[in-house]
Protein backbone atom coordinates (compact mmCIF):
# COMPACT_ATOMS: atom_id res chain seq x y z
CA MET A 1 15.97 14.27 -151.51
CA ILE A 2 13.51 15.93 -154.01
CA VAL A 3 10.09 14.88 -153.54
CA GLU A 4 6.82 15.64 -155.09
CA VAL A 5 3.02 14.38 -154.23
CA GLY A 6 2.60 11.28 -156.22
CA SER A 7 6.33 10.36 -156.24
CA GLN A 8 7.72 7.24 -154.72
CA LEU A 9 10.56 6.96 -152.49
CA ASP A 10 12.80 4.28 -152.79
CA PRO A 11 10.75 1.12 -152.58
CA ASP A 12 13.53 -0.83 -151.04
CA VAL A 13 13.60 1.27 -147.99
CA SER A 14 11.23 0.15 -145.25
CA TRP A 15 10.47 3.14 -143.02
CA PRO A 16 9.31 3.13 -139.31
CA GLU A 17 5.81 4.67 -138.47
CA GLY A 18 6.10 8.18 -137.21
CA ALA A 19 8.08 11.36 -137.76
CA ALA A 20 11.87 11.94 -139.02
CA LEU A 21 13.39 15.06 -138.81
CA THR A 22 16.57 16.32 -140.77
CA MET A 23 18.28 20.06 -140.43
CA PHE A 24 21.30 20.79 -142.59
CA ALA A 25 22.90 23.99 -143.91
CA GLY A 26 21.91 24.82 -147.39
CA GLU A 27 18.63 22.46 -147.13
CA PRO A 28 15.21 23.11 -145.87
CA VAL A 29 14.25 21.62 -142.80
CA GLN A 30 12.64 18.36 -143.60
CA LEU A 31 9.89 16.86 -141.32
CA MET A 32 8.76 13.44 -143.02
CA LEU A 33 5.84 11.96 -141.58
CA PHE A 34 5.40 8.35 -142.44
CA LEU A 35 2.00 6.80 -141.76
CA SER A 36 0.44 3.32 -142.64
CA HIS A 37 -2.40 4.55 -145.10
CA PRO A 38 -2.67 8.04 -143.94
CA HIS A 39 -6.47 8.96 -143.61
CA GLU A 40 -7.52 11.84 -145.99
CA LEU A 41 -7.92 14.15 -142.87
CA GLU A 42 -4.05 13.49 -142.28
CA VAL A 43 -3.15 14.44 -146.03
CA LYS A 44 -5.31 17.59 -145.86
CA ALA A 45 -3.77 18.53 -142.41
CA VAL A 46 -0.46 18.90 -143.93
CA ALA A 47 -1.26 22.00 -145.77
CA ALA A 48 -4.32 23.37 -143.51
CA ALA A 49 -3.55 26.55 -141.88
CA PRO A 50 -2.43 26.90 -139.00
CA THR A 51 0.88 24.97 -139.17
CA GLN A 52 2.28 25.34 -135.43
CA PHE A 53 5.73 24.29 -133.87
CA ALA A 54 7.15 24.39 -130.72
CA TRP A 55 10.76 23.23 -129.83
CA VAL A 56 12.04 21.92 -126.59
CA ASP A 57 15.91 22.03 -125.98
CA SER A 58 16.67 19.05 -123.55
CA GLU A 59 20.48 19.50 -123.73
CA HIS A 60 21.42 16.21 -125.34
CA ALA A 61 18.19 15.97 -127.45
CA GLY A 62 15.73 18.37 -129.18
CA VAL A 63 11.94 17.75 -129.67
CA LEU A 64 10.21 19.40 -132.48
CA LEU A 65 6.54 19.52 -131.86
CA TYR A 66 3.96 20.26 -134.43
CA ARG A 67 0.35 20.59 -134.98
CA LEU A 68 -0.87 20.50 -138.48
CA GLY A 69 -4.13 22.08 -139.15
CA PRO A 70 -6.98 22.91 -136.72
CA VAL A 71 -8.20 19.07 -136.47
CA LEU A 72 -5.21 16.90 -135.64
CA SER A 73 -3.20 17.09 -132.11
CA TRP A 74 0.40 17.75 -131.16
CA SER A 75 2.93 15.37 -132.51
CA GLU A 76 6.65 15.31 -132.14
CA ALA A 77 9.71 14.41 -133.84
CA THR A 78 13.05 13.77 -131.67
CA TYR A 79 16.30 15.26 -132.82
CA THR A 80 20.13 15.10 -132.40
CA PRO A 81 22.50 16.16 -134.80
CA HIS A 82 24.64 13.21 -134.12
CA LEU A 83 22.35 10.58 -135.63
CA PHE A 84 23.71 11.87 -139.04
CA GLU A 85 26.87 10.92 -141.10
CA PRO A 86 29.16 13.87 -141.71
CA ASP A 87 29.18 13.63 -145.29
CA GLU A 88 25.18 14.26 -145.17
CA GLY A 89 26.10 17.77 -144.43
CA LEU A 90 26.62 20.35 -141.69
CA PRO A 91 23.61 20.31 -139.01
CA SER A 92 22.06 23.68 -139.06
CA ILE A 93 19.20 26.13 -140.00
CA ASP A 94 19.65 28.47 -142.84
CA ASP A 95 18.50 32.21 -142.58
CA ASP A 96 15.42 31.53 -144.50
CA ALA A 97 14.10 28.97 -141.97
CA LEU A 98 12.22 26.93 -144.96
CA VAL A 99 10.58 23.86 -143.68
CA GLN A 100 9.36 21.31 -145.99
CA ILE A 101 6.66 18.80 -144.55
CA VAL A 102 6.09 15.52 -146.43
CA LEU A 103 3.74 12.83 -145.60
CA VAL A 104 4.48 9.54 -147.01
CA ASP A 105 2.48 6.29 -147.03
CA ARG A 106 4.98 3.96 -145.61
CA ASP A 107 3.29 0.99 -146.95
CA THR A 108 3.63 2.22 -150.60
CA ASN A 109 6.47 4.65 -150.19
CA ILE A 110 4.32 7.14 -152.17
CA VAL A 111 4.23 10.91 -151.03
CA LYS A 112 0.50 11.89 -150.36
CA ALA A 113 1.23 15.42 -149.26
CA LEU A 114 4.05 18.16 -149.36
CA HIS A 115 3.68 21.56 -147.88
CA ARG A 116 6.31 24.40 -147.36
CA VAL A 117 6.23 26.84 -144.59
CA ARG A 118 8.88 29.46 -142.98
CA TRP A 119 9.63 29.65 -139.30
CA PRO A 120 9.70 33.26 -138.02
CA GLU A 121 13.13 34.20 -137.23
CA GLU A 122 12.86 34.23 -133.53
CA PHE A 123 11.69 30.69 -133.57
CA ALA A 124 14.37 29.79 -136.23
CA ALA A 125 16.94 31.41 -134.09
CA ALA A 126 16.16 29.24 -131.09
CA VAL A 127 16.27 26.04 -133.06
CA ARG A 128 19.40 27.14 -134.65
CA ALA A 129 21.17 28.05 -131.19
CA SER A 130 20.01 24.63 -129.76
CA VAL A 131 21.26 22.57 -132.85
CA THR A 132 24.56 24.35 -132.88
CA ARG A 133 25.12 23.51 -129.18
CA MET A 134 23.85 20.01 -129.16
CA ARG A 135 26.40 19.37 -132.64
CA ASP A 136 29.40 21.26 -130.64
CA THR A 137 28.75 19.08 -127.72
CA PRO A 138 30.15 15.37 -127.77
CA TYR A 139 27.70 12.66 -128.15
CA SER A 140 26.37 10.07 -125.50
CA PRO A 141 23.85 7.76 -126.84
CA LEU A 142 22.82 7.18 -123.27
CA ALA A 143 22.39 10.80 -122.30
CA TYR A 144 20.32 11.38 -125.48
CA GLU A 145 18.15 8.36 -124.48
CA HIS A 146 17.91 9.56 -121.00
CA ALA A 147 16.83 13.26 -121.82
CA LEU A 148 14.11 11.84 -123.96
CA ALA A 149 13.06 9.45 -121.22
CA ALA A 150 13.06 12.18 -118.94
CA LEU A 151 11.06 14.49 -120.86
CA HIS A 152 8.53 11.88 -121.77
CA ARG A 153 8.04 10.92 -117.98
CA ARG A 154 7.39 14.43 -117.12
CA TYR A 155 5.37 15.44 -120.02
CA PRO A 156 3.49 12.32 -120.87
CA THR A 157 1.87 13.86 -124.33
CA PRO A 158 3.31 16.39 -126.81
CA GLU A 159 0.50 18.59 -125.92
CA ASP A 160 1.85 18.53 -122.28
CA MET A 161 5.33 19.36 -123.57
CA VAL A 162 3.95 22.22 -125.55
CA VAL A 163 2.01 23.69 -122.70
CA ASP A 164 4.48 23.12 -119.68
CA ARG A 165 8.00 22.69 -121.26
CA ALA A 166 8.51 24.26 -124.57
CA ASP A 167 11.35 26.73 -125.31
CA ALA A 168 9.87 28.28 -128.37
CA HIS A 169 6.54 28.45 -130.04
CA CYS A 170 5.54 29.70 -133.39
CA ILE A 171 2.85 29.22 -136.26
CA ALA A 172 4.80 29.08 -139.51
CA VAL A 173 4.11 31.32 -142.56
CA PRO A 174 3.13 29.34 -145.67
CA VAL A 175 5.48 29.54 -148.68
CA THR A 176 3.58 30.36 -151.99
CA GLY A 177 4.82 29.20 -155.43
CA GLY A 178 8.40 27.88 -155.77
CA LEU A 179 10.91 27.30 -153.10
CA ASP A 180 11.46 31.47 -153.30
């Protein structure tokens, strides 16, 4: 999907409030944030430094934790490669570890902010290994839901998960100009 600030995503699609994460070989990692009437601080935070990430590998589920800018708190996007159709692509992360963060007003489907960053290689390698392992493990919806529920019971907030459970942490590097 090619997006730019001001463009409108498919108006016939209703997106749930929250974050969606995709990781396919040959494409940037895409973190889509769908918020109703995002506040100006949320829009500005997408491109404000620092852009921080943490990754939790919980065997049957992954959790990408992210903090955009210095003002907003930690948030999360859950992940399993098994929720995508095979024709969408091979779940993986490219060597360049490019990440595209897109903020969409879910009421209008208009892209409000877009920012591209790169994950440091050590962080990208940890996430890539986790995605590959999950991709090669038979999928169990029950195991996926159980893994997420167990994480949220033990670590009730994203910040708790970052501090007490994350397997990898990083501050992303902004990408200037085009996609390089």
